[in-house]
Amino acid sequence: MSAIRTILNMTALTGLGYGLWALIPPGEEKRREIIKNLPESNPIRMEETRKRNALVMQKLKEAAETSENIARGLGGSAK
């Protein structure tokens, strides 16, 4: 019983520590650095992402409109 209580106490303290750590926001300078390094801040990368998303959505739409099993073509030789 003592071992279970010890494990529960350690778990509770760890959870409390993580909760307090998560509440502390980063400084303004650190926040600006994080935002600057996000992929969304690079216009070229954002355009590539938009194009890739458009191609994926086009393929999903085509797959939804057909009764063929398009997954069979993946990994095999192209026809």
Protein backbone atom coordinates (compact mmCIF):
# COMPACT_ATOMS: atom_id res chain seq x y z
CA MET A 1 0.00 0.00 0.00
CA SER A 2 2.89 2.32 0.79
CA ALA A 3 4.43 1.76 -2.64
CA ILE A 4 1.17 2.65 -4.39
CA ARG A 5 0.85 5.82 -2.29
CA THR A 6 4.44 6.78 -3.16
CA ILE A 7 3.83 6.24 -6.87
CA LEU A 8 0.62 8.29 -6.74
CA ASN A 9 2.39 11.11 -4.90
CA MET A 10 5.22 11.16 -7.41
CA THR A 11 2.73 11.16 -10.30
CA ALA A 12 0.77 14.01 -8.73
CA LEU A 13 3.91 16.07 -8.13
CA THR A 14 5.10 15.46 -11.68
CA GLY A 15 1.72 16.51 -13.05
CA LEU A 16 1.70 19.62 -10.87
CA GLY A 17 5.21 20.53 -11.99
CA TYR A 18 4.32 20.09 -15.64
CA GLY A 19 1.15 22.14 -15.19
CA LEU A 20 3.06 25.01 -13.60
CA TRP A 21 5.75 24.82 -16.29
CA ALA A 22 3.11 24.97 -19.02
CA LEU A 23 1.54 28.09 -17.49
CA ILE A 24 4.71 30.15 -17.80
CA PRO A 25 4.71 31.77 -21.25
CA PRO A 26 7.99 32.36 -23.12
CA GLY A 27 9.48 35.85 -23.17
CA GLU A 28 8.66 38.31 -25.93
CA GLU A 29 12.02 37.84 -27.65
CA LYS A 30 11.69 34.05 -27.59
CA ARG A 31 8.13 34.32 -28.95
CA ARG A 32 9.31 36.48 -31.86
CA GLU A 33 12.07 33.98 -32.65
CA ILE A 34 9.59 31.09 -32.61
CA ILE A 35 7.18 32.96 -34.91
CA LYS A 36 10.02 33.91 -37.26
CA ASN A 37 11.04 30.26 -37.65
CA LEU A 38 7.55 28.91 -38.31
CA PRO A 39 7.05 27.47 -41.79
CA GLU A 40 4.05 29.77 -42.29
CA SER A 41 6.32 32.82 -42.17
CA ASN A 42 8.17 31.74 -45.34
CA PRO A 43 6.08 32.72 -48.40
CA ILE A 44 7.81 30.24 -50.73
CA ARG A 45 7.18 27.34 -48.38
CA MET A 46 3.57 28.43 -47.86
CA GLU A 47 2.99 28.43 -51.64
CA GLU A 48 4.48 24.94 -51.91
CA THR A 49 2.21 23.79 -49.11
CA ARG A 50 -0.84 25.30 -50.83
CA LYS A 51 0.03 23.54 -54.10
CA ARG A 52 0.59 20.21 -52.36
CA ASN A 53 -2.68 20.54 -50.45
CA ALA A 54 -4.52 21.37 -53.69
CA LEU A 55 -3.07 18.26 -55.37
CA VAL A 56 -4.02 16.07 -52.42
CA MET A 57 -7.56 17.46 -52.38
CA GLN A 58 -7.84 16.90 -56.15
CA LYS A 59 -6.78 13.26 -55.78
CA LEU A 60 -9.19 12.76 -52.87
CA LYS A 61 -12.01 14.21 -54.95
CA GLU A 62 -11.15 11.93 -57.87
CA ALA A 63 -11.00 8.94 -55.54
CA ALA A 64 -14.38 9.80 -54.06
CA GLU A 65 -15.97 10.02 -57.50
CA THR A 66 -14.78 6.60 -58.68
CA SER A 67 -15.70 3.12 -57.57
CA GLU A 68 -12.19 1.85 -58.34
CA ASN A 69 -9.85 0.85 -55.56
CA ILE A 70 -7.04 3.33 -56.19
CA ALA A 71 -5.00 1.94 -53.29
CA ARG A 72 -4.14 -1.09 -55.45
CA GLY A 73 -2.10 1.16 -57.72
CA LEU A 74 0.07 2.43 -54.89
CA GLY A 75 3.42 0.77 -54.54
CA GLY A 76 3.02 -1.23 -57.74
CA SER A 77 4.19 -0.49 -61.23
CA ALA A 78 2.53 2.39 -63.03
CA LYS A 79 0.13 1.53 -65.83
